[in-house]
Amino acid sequence: MAYLFDTNVFIRLASRNDPLRQVSVDALRKLRSRNEVLCFTPQVMSEFWN
């Protein structure tokens, strides 16, 4: 199954002081350990960079 990243995931990963950062990291690691496909769109990247 493919999972679509939300902008908030990128923001949490980039913010080392975010209290929910570790939750995001753990979730991504779990998905990757299951060989799930992780996707994002150009819109998500644009929102993140802005």
N, C-alpha and C. Protein backbone atom coordinates (compact mmCIF):
# COMPACT_ATOMS: atom_id res chain seq x y z
N MET A 1 0.84 -1.17 0.00
CA MET A 1 0.00 0.00 0.00
C MET A 1 0.89 1.24 0.00
N ALA A 2 0.46 2.28 -0.67
CA ALA A 2 1.21 3.54 -0.71
C ALA A 2 0.61 4.51 0.31
N TYR A 3 1.49 5.28 0.95
CA TYR A 3 1.09 6.29 1.93
C TYR A 3 1.54 7.65 1.44
N LEU A 4 0.64 8.61 1.48
CA LEU A 4 0.94 9.97 1.04
C LEU A 4 1.35 10.81 2.24
N PHE A 5 2.56 11.38 2.18
CA PHE A 5 3.04 12.28 3.23
C PHE A 5 2.22 13.54 3.23
N ASP A 6 1.95 14.05 4.39
CA ASP A 6 1.34 15.35 4.55
C ASP A 6 2.47 16.35 4.85
N THR A 7 2.23 17.60 4.58
CA THR A 7 3.22 18.64 4.86
C THR A 7 3.67 18.61 6.32
N ASN A 8 2.75 18.32 7.21
CA ASN A 8 3.07 18.31 8.64
C ASN A 8 4.13 17.28 8.99
N VAL A 9 4.21 16.19 8.27
CA VAL A 9 5.24 15.18 8.53
C VAL A 9 6.61 15.79 8.25
N PHE A 10 6.76 16.46 7.12
CA PHE A 10 8.03 17.11 6.80
C PHE A 10 8.39 18.19 7.83
N ILE A 11 7.40 18.95 8.25
CA ILE A 11 7.65 20.01 9.24
C ILE A 11 8.12 19.40 10.55
N ARG A 12 7.47 18.34 10.99
CA ARG A 12 7.87 17.69 12.25
C ARG A 12 9.28 17.10 12.14
N LEU A 13 9.60 16.52 11.01
CA LEU A 13 10.93 15.94 10.84
C LEU A 13 12.01 17.02 10.83
N ALA A 14 11.69 18.18 10.31
CA ALA A 14 12.66 19.27 10.22
C ALA A 14 12.81 20.02 11.54
N SER A 15 11.82 19.92 12.41
CA SER A 15 11.83 20.66 13.67
C SER A 15 12.31 19.75 14.80
N ARG A 16 13.57 19.85 15.11
CA ARG A 16 14.15 18.97 16.14
C ARG A 16 13.53 19.15 17.52
N ASN A 17 12.94 20.30 17.78
CA ASN A 17 12.33 20.56 19.09
C ASN A 17 10.84 20.26 19.15
N ASP A 18 10.27 19.79 18.06
CA ASP A 18 8.85 19.49 18.03
C ASP A 18 8.57 18.29 18.95
N PRO A 19 7.63 18.42 19.88
CA PRO A 19 7.37 17.31 20.80
C PRO A 19 6.82 16.05 20.11
N LEU A 20 6.25 16.20 18.93
CA LEU A 20 5.72 15.03 18.22
C LEU A 20 6.66 14.52 17.12
N ARG A 21 7.86 15.05 17.09
CA ARG A 21 8.83 14.62 16.07
C ARG A 21 9.09 13.12 16.15
N GLN A 22 9.31 12.62 17.34
CA GLN A 22 9.64 11.20 17.49
C GLN A 22 8.49 10.30 17.05
N VAL A 23 7.26 10.75 17.25
CA VAL A 23 6.10 9.98 16.79
C VAL A 23 6.15 9.84 15.27
N SER A 24 6.48 10.92 14.58
CA SER A 24 6.60 10.89 13.12
C SER A 24 7.73 9.98 12.67
N VAL A 25 8.87 10.09 13.33
CA VAL A 25 10.03 9.26 12.99
C VAL A 25 9.68 7.79 13.18
N ASP A 26 9.07 7.46 14.30
CA ASP A 26 8.72 6.06 14.58
C ASP A 26 7.72 5.52 13.57
N ALA A 27 6.74 6.33 13.21
CA ALA A 27 5.74 5.90 12.23
C ALA A 27 6.39 5.63 10.88
N LEU A 28 7.27 6.53 10.44
CA LEU A 28 7.95 6.34 9.16
C LEU A 28 8.85 5.10 9.18
N ARG A 29 9.54 4.89 10.28
CA ARG A 29 10.39 3.70 10.39
C ARG A 29 9.56 2.42 10.32
N LYS A 30 8.43 2.45 10.98
CA LYS A 30 7.55 1.28 10.97
C LYS A 30 7.04 0.98 9.56
N LEU A 31 6.63 2.04 8.86
CA LEU A 31 6.16 1.85 7.49
C LEU A 31 7.28 1.33 6.59
N ARG A 32 8.47 1.89 6.73
CA ARG A 32 9.60 1.45 5.90
C ARG A 32 10.00 0.01 6.22
N SER A 33 9.89 -0.38 7.48
CA SER A 33 10.23 -1.75 7.85
C SER A 33 9.26 -2.75 7.23
N ARG A 34 8.07 -2.28 6.90
CA ARG A 34 7.07 -3.11 6.22
C ARG A 34 7.16 -2.99 4.69
N ASN A 35 8.18 -2.27 4.24
CA ASN A 35 8.38 -2.03 2.80
C ASN A 35 7.20 -1.33 2.14
N GLU A 36 6.57 -0.44 2.89
CA GLU A 36 5.48 0.35 2.34
C GLU A 36 6.05 1.46 1.47
N VAL A 37 5.28 1.90 0.50
CA VAL A 37 5.69 2.99 -0.39
C VAL A 37 5.27 4.31 0.25
N LEU A 38 6.22 5.22 0.37
CA LEU A 38 5.95 6.55 0.94
C LEU A 38 6.04 7.58 -0.18
N CYS A 39 4.98 8.37 -0.34
CA CYS A 39 4.89 9.32 -1.46
C CYS A 39 4.62 10.73 -0.96
N PHE A 40 4.97 11.69 -1.79
CA PHE A 40 4.59 13.08 -1.55
C PHE A 40 4.38 13.73 -2.90
N THR A 41 3.69 14.85 -2.87
CA THR A 41 3.37 15.55 -4.11
C THR A 41 4.17 16.85 -4.19
N PRO A 42 4.29 17.42 -5.38
CA PRO A 42 4.95 18.73 -5.49
C PRO A 42 4.27 19.79 -4.63
N GLN A 43 2.96 19.71 -4.48
CA GLN A 43 2.25 20.68 -3.64
C GLN A 43 2.72 20.57 -2.18
N VAL A 44 2.90 19.37 -1.69
CA VAL A 44 3.37 19.17 -0.32
C VAL A 44 4.76 19.77 -0.15
N MET A 45 5.64 19.54 -1.11
CA MET A 45 7.00 20.11 -1.02
C MET A 45 6.95 21.63 -1.08
N SER A 46 6.08 22.16 -1.92
CA SER A 46 5.95 23.62 -2.03
C SER A 46 5.46 24.21 -0.71
N GLU A 47 4.48 23.58 -0.11
CA GLU A 47 3.97 24.06 1.18
C GLU A 47 5.06 23.99 2.25
N PHE A 48 5.84 22.94 2.24
CA PHE A 48 6.90 22.78 3.23
C PHE A 48 7.95 23.88 3.07
N TRP A 49 8.40 24.14 1.85
CA TRP A 49 9.46 25.12 1.64
C TRP A 49 8.98 26.55 1.87
N ASN A 50 7.68 26.77 1.74
CA ASN A 50 7.16 28.12 1.99
C ASN A 50 6.90 28.30 3.45
